[in-house]
Amino acid sequence: MTRRALVTGATGGLGLSLVRALLDAGYSVRGSGRKPEALERLRAMGAEPFGGDLMDQTEDACRDIDVVFHAAGLSSPWGPDADFDRANVELTRRLLHAAQGAGVDGFIFVSSPSIFARWGDQTGLTEASPPNPRPLNAYARTKGEAERLVRAADAPGFRTVSLRPRAIVGPNDAVLLPRLLRLVKKGRFPLFRNGEALVEMTDHRDAARAFLLADAHRE
């Protein structure tokens, strides 16, 4: 029987790669987004586009779905706290409630290693490492709060997983890598530690494969 997936944030870089990976794996996919042209791209890929503000449509979005891949949210180092609370915490809360009510059996959340971020070097972190009790910004704080909601909702018949890909880049990236390349072109890209600083990055396609594996091994 075909497994039915909802992908939120489906028109972003990771979302598009995840939709493609799910379709290639035989899933039926519903993808949420706001931009009409991006939704048409989902349709052309073979997915069911779901438009509009997801906040007030979570029940409709989760109807007839088996697993939710929650990639929507606000990602920025700055902005009003209320915007992050709404996009990252409240939307996650509503989706969890709607998914449970719709009989969804899996909920896979795109979290962030920013929950660990501190000023200074950080190496050797594991899944058991404690988050920074004083998050560096509203993004890190709200990702941590949303992750706690996801963890608390885990139960037999409704398995939840949070994955924390770092600095996601790839062929559909319209944010991170283009921004860095613009800085390089302008000669304004800072070379921390004379260019010897280490930063982990994740390709969209590798992240998408990880999310599929999380669903396949959700028990």
N, C-alpha and C. Protein backbone atom coordinates (compact mmCIF):
# COMPACT_ATOMS: atom_id res chain seq x y z
N MET A 1 0.84 -1.19 0.00
CA MET A 1 0.00 0.00 0.00
C MET A 1 0.88 1.24 0.00
N THR A 2 0.54 2.21 -0.82
CA THR A 2 1.35 3.42 -0.95
C THR A 2 1.31 4.23 0.34
N ARG A 3 2.48 4.63 0.82
CA ARG A 3 2.55 5.45 2.03
C ARG A 3 2.37 6.91 1.63
N ARG A 4 1.54 7.61 2.38
CA ARG A 4 1.16 8.98 2.03
C ARG A 4 1.86 9.96 2.97
N ALA A 5 2.57 10.91 2.37
CA ALA A 5 3.38 11.85 3.15
C ALA A 5 2.93 13.28 2.95
N LEU A 6 2.94 14.04 4.03
CA LEU A 6 2.80 15.49 3.97
C LEU A 6 4.17 16.10 4.20
N VAL A 7 4.59 16.96 3.31
CA VAL A 7 5.84 17.71 3.49
C VAL A 7 5.49 19.18 3.66
N THR A 8 5.75 19.73 4.83
CA THR A 8 5.56 21.17 5.01
C THR A 8 6.85 21.88 4.60
N GLY A 9 6.71 23.11 4.15
CA GLY A 9 7.90 23.79 3.63
C GLY A 9 8.42 23.12 2.37
N ALA A 10 7.49 22.57 1.59
CA ALA A 10 7.89 21.74 0.44
C ALA A 10 8.50 22.53 -0.70
N THR A 11 8.34 23.85 -0.70
CA THR A 11 8.87 24.64 -1.80
C THR A 11 10.23 25.25 -1.48
N GLY A 12 10.77 24.96 -0.29
CA GLY A 12 12.12 25.40 0.05
C GLY A 12 13.15 24.43 -0.50
N GLY A 13 14.42 24.74 -0.28
CA GLY A 13 15.48 23.89 -0.82
C GLY A 13 15.42 22.47 -0.32
N LEU A 14 15.38 22.28 1.01
CA LEU A 14 15.27 20.94 1.57
C LEU A 14 13.95 20.31 1.19
N GLY A 15 12.87 21.09 1.25
CA GLY A 15 11.55 20.55 0.95
C GLY A 15 11.46 19.95 -0.44
N LEU A 16 11.98 20.66 -1.43
CA LEU A 16 11.95 20.16 -2.80
C LEU A 16 12.74 18.86 -2.94
N SER A 17 13.92 18.82 -2.32
CA SER A 17 14.72 17.60 -2.38
C SER A 17 14.02 16.45 -1.67
N LEU A 18 13.34 16.76 -0.57
CA LEU A 18 12.62 15.72 0.16
C LEU A 18 11.44 15.20 -0.64
N VAL A 19 10.70 16.10 -1.28
CA VAL A 19 9.58 15.68 -2.13
C VAL A 19 10.09 14.76 -3.24
N ARG A 20 11.17 15.13 -3.89
CA ARG A 20 11.72 14.30 -4.96
C ARG A 20 12.13 12.94 -4.44
N ALA A 21 12.81 12.89 -3.30
CA ALA A 21 13.26 11.62 -2.74
C ALA A 21 12.07 10.74 -2.35
N LEU A 22 11.03 11.33 -1.80
CA LEU A 22 9.84 10.56 -1.42
C LEU A 22 9.13 10.00 -2.64
N LEU A 23 8.97 10.82 -3.67
CA LEU A 23 8.33 10.34 -4.89
C LEU A 23 9.14 9.20 -5.51
N ASP A 24 10.45 9.36 -5.54
CA ASP A 24 11.31 8.31 -6.10
C ASP A 24 11.22 7.02 -5.30
N ALA A 25 10.93 7.15 -4.00
CA ALA A 25 10.82 5.98 -3.14
C ALA A 25 9.42 5.36 -3.16
N GLY A 26 8.50 5.94 -3.94
CA GLY A 26 7.18 5.36 -4.08
C GLY A 26 6.11 5.94 -3.17
N TYR A 27 6.43 7.01 -2.45
CA TYR A 27 5.43 7.66 -1.61
C TYR A 27 4.46 8.47 -2.47
N SER A 28 3.27 8.66 -1.95
CA SER A 28 2.35 9.68 -2.45
C SER A 28 2.59 10.93 -1.60
N VAL A 29 2.79 12.08 -2.24
CA VAL A 29 3.25 13.27 -1.51
C VAL A 29 2.30 14.44 -1.66
N ARG A 30 1.97 15.05 -0.54
CA ARG A 30 1.28 16.35 -0.50
C ARG A 30 2.29 17.37 0.02
N GLY A 31 2.49 18.44 -0.73
CA GLY A 31 3.48 19.44 -0.34
C GLY A 31 2.85 20.79 -0.09
N SER A 32 3.13 21.38 1.07
CA SER A 32 2.56 22.68 1.39
C SER A 32 3.55 23.80 1.08
N GLY A 33 3.00 24.93 0.65
CA GLY A 33 3.80 26.10 0.35
C GLY A 33 2.88 27.27 0.05
N ARG A 34 3.47 28.43 -0.17
CA ARG A 34 2.65 29.63 -0.38
C ARG A 34 2.76 30.21 -1.78
N LYS A 35 3.92 30.08 -2.42
CA LYS A 35 4.11 30.72 -3.71
C LYS A 35 3.48 29.90 -4.83
N PRO A 36 2.55 30.50 -5.60
CA PRO A 36 1.85 29.76 -6.66
C PRO A 36 2.79 29.10 -7.65
N GLU A 37 3.85 29.81 -8.07
CA GLU A 37 4.75 29.23 -9.06
C GLU A 37 5.50 28.03 -8.50
N ALA A 38 5.83 28.08 -7.20
CA ALA A 38 6.51 26.96 -6.58
C ALA A 38 5.56 25.77 -6.41
N LEU A 39 4.29 26.05 -6.12
CA LEU A 39 3.31 24.98 -6.01
C LEU A 39 3.10 24.28 -7.34
N GLU A 40 3.15 25.03 -8.42
CA GLU A 40 3.04 24.42 -9.74
C GLU A 40 4.23 23.51 -10.02
N ARG A 41 5.38 23.88 -9.49
CA ARG A 41 6.55 23.01 -9.65
C ARG A 41 6.32 21.68 -8.94
N LEU A 42 5.70 21.73 -7.77
CA LEU A 42 5.37 20.49 -7.06
C LEU A 42 4.43 19.62 -7.89
N ARG A 43 3.42 20.26 -8.49
CA ARG A 43 2.48 19.52 -9.32
C ARG A 43 3.20 18.84 -10.49
N ALA A 44 4.11 19.59 -11.11
CA ALA A 44 4.85 19.05 -12.25
C ALA A 44 5.73 17.86 -11.84
N MET A 45 6.17 17.86 -10.58
CA MET A 45 6.98 16.75 -10.08
C MET A 45 6.15 15.51 -9.81
N GLY A 46 4.82 15.68 -9.68
CA GLY A 46 3.95 14.55 -9.38
C GLY A 46 3.39 14.56 -7.97
N ALA A 47 3.61 15.68 -7.25
CA ALA A 47 3.08 15.81 -5.90
C ALA A 47 1.76 16.58 -5.92
N GLU A 48 1.02 16.48 -4.83
CA GLU A 48 -0.22 17.25 -4.66
C GLU A 48 0.11 18.56 -3.96
N PRO A 49 -0.04 19.71 -4.62
CA PRO A 49 0.27 20.98 -3.96
C PRO A 49 -0.83 21.38 -2.97
N PHE A 50 -0.40 21.97 -1.86
CA PHE A 50 -1.34 22.42 -0.82
C PHE A 50 -0.94 23.85 -0.47
N GLY A 51 -1.74 24.82 -0.92
CA GLY A 51 -1.36 26.22 -0.78
C GLY A 51 -2.01 26.93 0.38
N GLY A 52 -1.58 28.17 0.61
CA GLY A 52 -2.15 29.01 1.65
C GLY A 52 -1.37 28.96 2.94
N ASP A 53 -1.89 29.68 3.94
CA ASP A 53 -1.27 29.73 5.26
C ASP A 53 -1.58 28.43 6.00
N LEU A 54 -0.55 27.64 6.24
CA LEU A 54 -0.74 26.33 6.85
C LEU A 54 -1.27 26.43 8.28
N MET A 55 -1.00 27.52 8.95
CA MET A 55 -1.35 27.67 10.37
C MET A 55 -2.83 27.35 10.63
N ASP A 56 -3.69 27.79 9.75
CA ASP A 56 -5.13 27.59 9.95
C ASP A 56 -5.69 26.42 9.13
N GLN A 57 -4.81 25.61 8.56
CA GLN A 57 -5.27 24.50 7.71
C GLN A 57 -4.61 23.18 8.09
N THR A 58 -4.15 23.06 9.32
CA THR A 58 -3.39 21.86 9.68
C THR A 58 -4.24 20.59 9.59
N GLU A 59 -5.51 20.68 9.96
CA GLU A 59 -6.36 19.48 9.89
C GLU A 59 -6.56 19.04 8.45
N ASP A 60 -6.82 19.98 7.56
CA ASP A 60 -6.97 19.64 6.14
C ASP A 60 -5.67 19.08 5.58
N ALA A 61 -4.55 19.67 5.98
CA ALA A 61 -3.26 19.22 5.45
C ALA A 61 -2.94 17.79 5.87
N CYS A 62 -3.36 17.40 7.07
CA CYS A 62 -3.03 16.07 7.60
C CYS A 62 -4.06 15.00 7.24
N ARG A 63 -5.14 15.39 6.61
CA ARG A 63 -6.19 14.42 6.28
C ARG A 63 -5.67 13.38 5.28
N ASP A 64 -5.91 12.09 5.58
CA ASP A 64 -5.51 10.98 4.70
C ASP A 64 -3.99 10.89 4.53
N ILE A 65 -3.26 11.24 5.57
CA ILE A 65 -1.80 11.22 5.55
C ILE A 65 -1.29 10.17 6.55
N ASP A 66 -0.19 9.51 6.21
CA ASP A 66 0.42 8.52 7.10
C ASP A 66 1.59 9.09 7.89
N VAL A 67 2.37 9.98 7.26
CA VAL A 67 3.56 10.52 7.92
C VAL A 67 3.73 11.99 7.54
N VAL A 68 4.11 12.79 8.53
CA VAL A 68 4.36 14.21 8.31
C VAL A 68 5.85 14.47 8.39
N PHE A 69 6.38 15.15 7.38
CA PHE A 69 7.75 15.65 7.40
C PHE A 69 7.64 17.17 7.56
N HIS A 70 7.96 17.67 8.74
CA HIS A 70 7.72 19.08 9.05
C HIS A 70 8.99 19.90 8.84
N ALA A 71 9.08 20.50 7.64
CA ALA A 71 10.26 21.30 7.29
C ALA A 71 9.96 22.79 7.23
N ALA A 72 8.71 23.18 7.47
CA ALA A 72 8.36 24.61 7.41
C ALA A 72 8.82 25.30 8.68
N GLY A 73 9.09 26.59 8.56
CA GLY A 73 9.48 27.36 9.73
C GLY A 73 10.22 28.61 9.33
N LEU A 74 10.52 29.43 10.31
CA LEU A 74 11.26 30.67 10.08
C LEU A 74 12.71 30.46 10.48
N SER A 75 13.61 30.65 9.52
CA SER A 75 15.04 30.46 9.77
C SER A 75 15.78 31.75 9.49
N SER A 76 16.27 32.38 10.53
CA SER A 76 17.01 33.64 10.39
C SER A 76 17.73 33.90 11.71
N PRO A 77 18.88 34.56 11.66
CA PRO A 77 19.57 34.88 12.92
C PRO A 77 18.93 36.04 13.67
N TRP A 78 18.00 36.73 13.04
CA TRP A 78 17.35 37.87 13.70
C TRP A 78 15.90 37.99 13.27
N GLY A 79 15.14 38.79 14.01
CA GLY A 79 13.73 39.01 13.71
C GLY A 79 12.94 39.07 15.00
N PRO A 80 11.68 39.53 14.93
CA PRO A 80 10.84 39.63 16.13
C PRO A 80 10.58 38.26 16.75
N ASP A 81 10.68 38.18 18.06
CA ASP A 81 10.44 36.92 18.76
C ASP A 81 9.08 36.34 18.42
N ALA A 82 8.07 37.20 18.31
CA ALA A 82 6.71 36.71 18.05
C ALA A 82 6.62 35.97 16.72
N ASP A 83 7.38 36.41 15.72
CA ASP A 83 7.36 35.74 14.42
C ASP A 83 7.93 34.33 14.53
N PHE A 84 9.02 34.18 15.29
CA PHE A 84 9.62 32.85 15.48
C PHE A 84 8.70 31.95 16.31
N ASP A 85 8.08 32.52 17.34
CA ASP A 85 7.16 31.72 18.16
C ASP A 85 6.01 31.17 17.31
N ARG A 86 5.47 32.00 16.44
CA ARG A 86 4.35 31.58 15.61
C ARG A 86 4.78 30.52 14.60
N ALA A 87 5.85 30.80 13.87
CA ALA A 87 6.25 29.94 12.76
C ALA A 87 6.89 28.64 13.22
N ASN A 88 7.63 28.67 14.32
CA ASN A 88 8.39 27.49 14.72
C ASN A 88 7.78 26.70 15.86
N VAL A 89 7.09 27.37 16.77
CA VAL A 89 6.52 26.67 17.92
C VAL A 89 5.03 26.41 17.73
N GLU A 90 4.26 27.45 17.49
CA GLU A 90 2.81 27.28 17.40
C GLU A 90 2.41 26.41 16.21
N LEU A 91 3.07 26.59 15.07
CA LEU A 91 2.74 25.75 13.92
C LEU A 91 3.05 24.29 14.21
N THR A 92 4.17 24.03 14.86
CA THR A 92 4.51 22.65 15.22
C THR A 92 3.48 22.07 16.17
N ARG A 93 3.06 22.87 17.15
CA ARG A 93 2.04 22.41 18.11
C ARG A 93 0.74 22.03 17.38
N ARG A 94 0.31 22.89 16.48
CA ARG A 94 -0.94 22.64 15.76
C ARG A 94 -0.82 21.43 14.83
N LEU A 95 0.32 21.29 14.19
CA LEU A 95 0.51 20.14 13.30
C LEU A 95 0.51 18.83 14.08
N LEU A 96 1.18 18.82 15.22
CA LEU A 96 1.18 17.62 16.05
C LEU A 96 -0.24 17.23 16.44
N HIS A 97 -1.02 18.20 16.88
CA HIS A 97 -2.40 17.94 17.28
C HIS A 97 -3.23 17.42 16.11
N ALA A 98 -3.08 18.07 14.95
CA ALA A 98 -3.84 17.65 13.77
C ALA A 98 -3.42 16.27 13.30
N ALA A 99 -2.12 16.00 13.34
CA ALA A 99 -1.62 14.70 12.90
C ALA A 99 -2.13 13.58 13.79
N GLN A 100 -2.12 13.81 15.09
CA GLN A 100 -2.64 12.81 16.03
C GLN A 100 -4.12 12.55 15.78
N GLY A 101 -4.87 13.61 15.54
CA GLY A 101 -6.30 13.47 15.30
C GLY A 101 -6.63 12.78 13.99
N ALA A 102 -5.70 12.87 13.02
CA ALA A 102 -5.94 12.29 11.70
C ALA A 102 -5.45 10.85 11.59
N GLY A 103 -4.87 10.32 12.66
CA GLY A 103 -4.39 8.95 12.61
C GLY A 103 -3.04 8.78 11.95
N VAL A 104 -2.29 9.87 11.82
CA VAL A 104 -0.92 9.80 11.28
C VAL A 104 -0.08 8.96 12.23
N ASP A 105 0.85 8.15 11.68
CA ASP A 105 1.65 7.29 12.55
C ASP A 105 3.10 7.73 12.69
N GLY A 106 3.51 8.75 11.92
CA GLY A 106 4.89 9.21 12.02
C GLY A 106 4.98 10.72 11.86
N PHE A 107 5.84 11.36 12.65
CA PHE A 107 6.02 12.81 12.58
C PHE A 107 7.52 13.08 12.66
N ILE A 108 8.08 13.58 11.57
CA ILE A 108 9.53 13.77 11.49
C ILE A 108 9.81 15.26 11.34
N PHE A 109 10.56 15.80 12.28
CA PHE A 109 10.73 17.24 12.43
C PHE A 109 12.13 17.67 12.03
N VAL A 110 12.18 18.74 11.25
CA VAL A 110 13.48 19.33 10.88
C VAL A 110 13.86 20.31 11.99
N SER A 111 14.72 19.86 12.88
CA SER A 111 15.21 20.72 13.94
C SER A 111 16.54 21.35 13.50
N SER A 112 17.35 21.76 14.45
CA SER A 112 18.58 22.46 14.10
C SER A 112 19.62 22.30 15.20
N PRO A 113 20.90 22.12 14.83
CA PRO A 113 21.95 22.07 15.84
C PRO A 113 22.20 23.43 16.49
N SER A 114 21.50 24.46 16.02
CA SER A 114 21.64 25.77 16.66
C SER A 114 21.18 25.73 18.12
N ILE A 115 20.43 24.71 18.49
CA ILE A 115 20.01 24.60 19.89
C ILE A 115 21.21 24.40 20.82
N PHE A 116 22.33 23.94 20.26
CA PHE A 116 23.55 23.75 21.05
C PHE A 116 24.48 24.97 21.01
N ALA A 117 24.22 25.90 20.11
CA ALA A 117 25.19 26.94 19.77
C ALA A 117 25.60 27.79 20.97
N ARG A 118 26.90 27.98 21.09
CA ARG A 118 27.50 28.87 22.07
C ARG A 118 28.60 29.66 21.37
N TRP A 119 29.04 30.73 21.98
CA TRP A 119 30.18 31.44 21.43
C TRP A 119 31.44 30.64 21.75
N GLY A 120 32.18 30.27 20.73
CA GLY A 120 33.39 29.47 20.94
C GLY A 120 33.28 28.13 20.26
N ASP A 121 34.36 27.36 20.33
CA ASP A 121 34.43 26.06 19.67
C ASP A 121 33.46 25.08 20.32
N GLN A 122 32.90 24.21 19.47
CA GLN A 122 32.07 23.12 19.95
C GLN A 122 32.39 21.88 19.12
N THR A 123 32.96 20.90 19.76
CA THR A 123 33.28 19.65 19.08
C THR A 123 32.83 18.49 19.97
N GLY A 124 32.65 17.34 19.35
CA GLY A 124 32.31 16.14 20.10
C GLY A 124 30.89 16.10 20.63
N LEU A 125 30.00 16.90 20.06
CA LEU A 125 28.60 16.86 20.51
C LEU A 125 27.94 15.55 20.10
N THR A 126 27.04 15.05 20.93
CA THR A 126 26.26 13.86 20.61
C THR A 126 24.78 14.17 20.80
N GLU A 127 23.93 13.20 20.48
CA GLU A 127 22.49 13.39 20.68
C GLU A 127 22.15 13.63 22.14
N ALA A 128 23.01 13.15 23.04
CA ALA A 128 22.75 13.30 24.47
C ALA A 128 23.28 14.62 25.03
N SER A 129 23.99 15.39 24.22
CA SER A 129 24.53 16.65 24.70
C SER A 129 23.40 17.61 25.04
N PRO A 130 23.51 18.34 26.14
CA PRO A 130 22.43 19.26 26.52
C PRO A 130 22.43 20.51 25.65
N PRO A 131 21.25 21.01 25.29
CA PRO A 131 21.18 22.28 24.55
C PRO A 131 21.70 23.42 25.42
N ASN A 132 22.05 24.50 24.77
CA ASN A 132 22.46 25.69 25.50
C ASN A 132 21.26 26.23 26.29
N PRO A 133 21.36 26.33 27.62
CA PRO A 133 20.22 26.84 28.39
C PRO A 133 19.93 28.31 28.14
N ARG A 134 20.88 28.99 27.48
CA ARG A 134 20.69 30.40 27.12
C ARG A 134 20.86 30.53 25.61
N PRO A 135 19.84 30.19 24.83
CA PRO A 135 19.95 30.19 23.36
C PRO A 135 20.46 31.53 22.84
N LEU A 136 21.23 31.45 21.75
CA LEU A 136 21.86 32.66 21.22
C LEU A 136 20.87 33.60 20.56
N ASN A 137 19.75 33.05 20.04
CA ASN A 137 18.78 33.92 19.37
C ASN A 137 17.40 33.25 19.40
N ALA A 138 16.42 33.95 18.86
CA ALA A 138 15.05 33.44 18.88
C ALA A 138 14.90 32.18 18.04
N TYR A 139 15.67 32.08 16.96
CA TYR A 139 15.61 30.88 16.13
C TYR A 139 16.01 29.65 16.94
N ALA A 140 17.16 29.73 17.61
CA ALA A 140 17.64 28.59 18.40
C ALA A 140 16.66 28.27 19.53
N ARG A 141 16.15 29.29 20.18
CA ARG A 141 15.21 29.07 21.28
C ARG A 141 13.95 28.35 20.80
N THR A 142 13.37 28.82 19.71
CA THR A 142 12.10 28.24 19.26
C THR A 142 12.28 26.87 18.64
N LYS A 143 13.43 26.61 18.02
CA LYS A 143 13.68 25.26 17.53
C LYS A 143 13.78 24.28 18.70
N GLY A 144 14.41 24.72 19.78
CA GLY A 144 14.48 23.87 20.96
C GLY A 144 13.12 23.62 21.57
N GLU A 145 12.29 24.66 21.64
CA GLU A 145 10.95 24.50 22.19
C GLU A 145 10.11 23.56 21.32
N ALA A 146 10.20 23.72 20.01
CA ALA A 146 9.44 22.86 19.11
C ALA A 146 9.91 21.41 19.22
N GLU A 147 11.21 21.23 19.35
CA GLU A 147 11.73 19.87 19.47
C GLU A 147 11.22 19.19 20.74
N ARG A 148 11.10 19.94 21.80
CA ARG A 148 10.56 19.37 23.04
C ARG A 148 9.09 18.96 22.87
N LEU A 149 8.33 19.76 22.12
CA LEU A 149 6.94 19.38 21.84
C LEU A 149 6.88 18.08 21.05
N VAL A 150 7.76 17.97 20.06
CA VAL A 150 7.78 16.76 19.22
C VAL A 150 8.16 15.54 20.05
N ARG A 151 9.14 15.69 20.91
CA ARG A 151 9.57 14.57 21.75
C ARG A 151 8.47 14.16 22.71
N ALA A 152 7.77 15.12 23.28
CA ALA A 152 6.71 14.82 24.24
C ALA A 152 5.53 14.11 23.59
N ALA A 153 5.34 14.32 22.30
CA ALA A 153 4.20 13.71 21.60
C ALA A 153 4.45 12.26 21.20
N ASP A 154 5.69 11.81 21.28
CA ASP A 154 6.03 10.45 20.85
C ASP A 154 5.27 9.42 21.68
N ALA A 155 4.67 8.45 20.99
CA ALA A 155 3.88 7.42 21.66
C ALA A 155 3.74 6.24 20.72
N PRO A 156 3.42 5.05 21.25
CA PRO A 156 3.14 3.92 20.36
C PRO A 156 2.03 4.29 19.38
N GLY A 157 2.27 4.04 18.11
CA GLY A 157 1.30 4.40 17.09
C GLY A 157 1.46 5.81 16.56
N PHE A 158 2.29 6.61 17.24
CA PHE A 158 2.60 7.97 16.76
C PHE A 158 4.05 8.26 17.12
N ARG A 159 4.95 7.76 16.26
CA ARG A 159 6.38 7.90 16.53
C ARG A 159 6.87 9.23 16.00
N THR A 160 7.66 9.91 16.80
CA THR A 160 8.20 11.20 16.39
C THR A 160 9.72 11.15 16.41
N VAL A 161 10.32 11.87 15.47
CA VAL A 161 11.78 11.94 15.34
C VAL A 161 12.15 13.38 15.02
N SER A 162 13.22 13.87 15.63
CA SER A 162 13.78 15.17 15.27
C SER A 162 15.19 14.96 14.75
N LEU A 163 15.47 15.51 13.58
CA LEU A 163 16.81 15.48 13.00
C LEU A 163 17.33 16.91 12.92
N ARG A 164 18.67 17.06 13.03
CA ARG A 164 19.27 18.39 13.12
C ARG A 164 20.34 18.60 12.05
N PRO A 165 19.96 18.67 10.79
CA PRO A 165 20.96 18.92 9.74
C PRO A 165 21.56 20.31 9.89
N ARG A 166 22.83 20.43 9.56
CA ARG A 166 23.55 21.69 9.75
C ARG A 166 23.83 22.37 8.42
N ALA A 167 23.53 23.66 8.32
CA ALA A 167 23.87 24.49 7.16
C ALA A 167 23.53 23.76 5.86
N ILE A 168 22.24 23.62 5.57
CA ILE A 168 21.78 22.81 4.45
C ILE A 168 21.95 23.57 3.14
N VAL A 169 22.67 22.96 2.21
CA VAL A 169 22.91 23.56 0.90
C VAL A 169 22.63 22.52 -0.18
N GLY A 170 22.50 22.97 -1.41
CA GLY A 170 22.26 22.02 -2.50
C GLY A 170 21.69 22.70 -3.71
N PRO A 171 21.25 21.91 -4.69
CA PRO A 171 20.81 22.47 -5.97
C PRO A 171 19.59 23.38 -5.88
N ASN A 172 18.78 23.22 -4.84
CA ASN A 172 17.58 24.06 -4.71
C ASN A 172 17.76 25.19 -3.70
N ASP A 173 18.98 25.39 -3.23
CA ASP A 173 19.24 26.40 -2.21
C ASP A 173 19.12 27.80 -2.80
N ALA A 174 18.19 28.57 -2.26
CA ALA A 174 18.02 29.95 -2.70
C ALA A 174 18.40 30.94 -1.61
N VAL A 175 18.97 30.43 -0.52
CA VAL A 175 19.23 31.30 0.63
C VAL A 175 20.69 31.29 1.05
N LEU A 176 21.15 30.17 1.63
CA LEU A 176 22.44 30.16 2.31
C LEU A 176 23.62 30.33 1.36
N LEU A 177 23.78 29.38 0.42
CA LEU A 177 24.95 29.44 -0.45
C LEU A 177 24.93 30.66 -1.37
N PRO A 178 23.78 31.02 -1.97
CA PRO A 178 23.76 32.25 -2.77
C PRO A 178 24.17 33.48 -1.97
N ARG A 179 23.76 33.55 -0.71
CA ARG A 179 24.13 34.69 0.13
C ARG A 179 25.64 34.73 0.36
N LEU A 180 26.22 33.56 0.62
CA LEU A 180 27.66 33.50 0.83
C LEU A 180 28.42 33.87 -0.45
N LEU A 181 27.93 33.40 -1.59
CA LEU A 181 28.60 33.70 -2.85
C LEU A 181 28.53 35.18 -3.18
N ARG A 182 27.41 35.82 -2.83
CA ARG A 182 27.32 37.27 -3.06
C ARG A 182 28.35 38.03 -2.22
N LEU A 183 28.55 37.58 -0.99
CA LEU A 183 29.56 38.21 -0.14
C LEU A 183 30.96 38.02 -0.70
N VAL A 184 31.23 36.82 -1.21
CA VAL A 184 32.54 36.56 -1.82
C VAL A 184 32.75 37.47 -3.02
N LYS A 185 31.72 37.59 -3.86
CA LYS A 185 31.82 38.43 -5.06
C LYS A 185 32.10 39.89 -4.70
N LYS A 186 31.54 40.34 -3.58
CA LYS A 186 31.73 41.73 -3.15
C LYS A 186 33.01 41.92 -2.34
N GLY A 187 33.74 40.83 -2.10
CA GLY A 187 34.95 40.92 -1.31
C GLY A 187 34.70 41.16 0.16
N ARG A 188 33.53 40.75 0.63
CA ARG A 188 33.14 41.01 2.01
C ARG A 188 32.97 39.73 2.83
N PHE A 189 33.47 38.62 2.31
CA PHE A 189 33.33 37.36 3.04
C PHE A 189 34.42 37.25 4.09
N PRO A 190 34.05 37.16 5.37
CA PRO A 190 35.08 37.12 6.42
C PRO A 190 35.76 35.76 6.49
N LEU A 191 37.07 35.76 6.63
CA LEU A 191 37.83 34.52 6.77
C LEU A 191 38.19 34.36 8.24
N PHE A 192 37.35 33.66 8.96
CA PHE A 192 37.61 33.44 10.38
C PHE A 192 38.82 32.54 10.54
N ARG A 193 39.70 32.89 11.46
CA ARG A 193 40.92 32.11 11.72
C ARG A 193 41.72 31.92 10.44
N ASN A 194 41.79 32.97 9.67
CA ASN A 194 42.56 32.94 8.41
C ASN A 194 42.08 31.86 7.46
N GLY A 195 40.79 31.59 7.48
CA GLY A 195 40.23 30.61 6.57
C GLY A 195 40.34 29.18 7.04
N GLU A 196 40.75 28.95 8.27
CA GLU A 196 40.94 27.58 8.77
C GLU A 196 39.83 27.14 9.72
N ALA A 197 38.80 27.96 9.89
CA ALA A 197 37.67 27.56 10.73
C ALA A 197 36.90 26.42 10.07
N LEU A 198 36.41 25.49 10.87
CA LEU A 198 35.67 24.33 10.37
C LEU A 198 34.18 24.52 10.61
N VAL A 199 33.38 24.28 9.57
CA VAL A 199 31.93 24.38 9.67
C VAL A 199 31.31 23.17 8.98
N GLU A 200 30.40 22.49 9.67
CA GLU A 200 29.71 21.36 9.06
C GLU A 200 28.61 21.86 8.12
N MET A 201 28.47 21.21 6.98
CA MET A 201 27.41 21.54 6.03
C MET A 201 26.75 20.25 5.58
N THR A 202 25.49 20.34 5.17
CA THR A 202 24.72 19.17 4.76
C THR A 202 24.08 19.41 3.41
N ASP A 203 24.29 18.51 2.48
CA ASP A 203 23.64 18.61 1.18
C ASP A 203 22.15 18.26 1.33
N HIS A 204 21.31 19.03 0.63
CA HIS A 204 19.86 18.77 0.66
C HIS A 204 19.54 17.30 0.44
N ARG A 205 20.22 16.69 -0.53
CA ARG A 205 19.88 15.32 -0.91
C ARG A 205 20.27 14.33 0.18
N ASP A 206 21.40 14.59 0.86
CA ASP A 206 21.78 13.73 1.98
C ASP A 206 20.78 13.87 3.12
N ALA A 207 20.35 15.11 3.39
CA ALA A 207 19.35 15.33 4.43
C ALA A 207 18.05 14.62 4.09
N ALA A 208 17.63 14.69 2.84
CA ALA A 208 16.39 14.03 2.42
C ALA A 208 16.48 12.52 2.64
N ARG A 209 17.62 11.93 2.31
CA ARG A 209 17.79 10.48 2.54
C ARG A 209 17.70 10.15 4.02
N ALA A 210 18.26 11.03 4.86
CA ALA A 210 18.20 10.79 6.30
C ALA A 210 16.75 10.81 6.80
N PHE A 211 15.95 11.70 6.26
CA PHE A 211 14.56 11.77 6.69
C PHE A 211 13.77 10.55 6.23
N LEU A 212 14.06 10.05 5.05
CA LEU A 212 13.40 8.82 4.61
C LEU A 212 13.78 7.65 5.50
N LEU A 213 15.04 7.56 5.87
CA LEU A 213 15.48 6.49 6.76
C LEU A 213 14.82 6.60 8.13
N ALA A 214 14.62 7.84 8.59
CA ALA A 214 13.95 8.03 9.88
C ALA A 214 12.53 7.49 9.84
N ASP A 215 11.85 7.65 8.71
CA ASP A 215 10.50 7.10 8.59
C ASP A 215 10.54 5.58 8.48
N ALA A 216 11.49 5.07 7.73
CA ALA A 216 11.57 3.62 7.53
C ALA A 216 11.89 2.89 8.84
N HIS A 217 12.60 3.56 9.75
CA HIS A 217 13.01 2.92 11.00
C HIS A 217 12.38 3.62 12.20
N ARG A 218 11.16 4.10 12.04
CA ARG A 218 10.54 4.92 13.09
C ARG A 218 10.24 4.13 14.35
N GLU A 219 10.14 2.80 14.27
CA GLU A 219 9.87 2.01 15.47
C GLU A 219 11.14 1.77 16.27
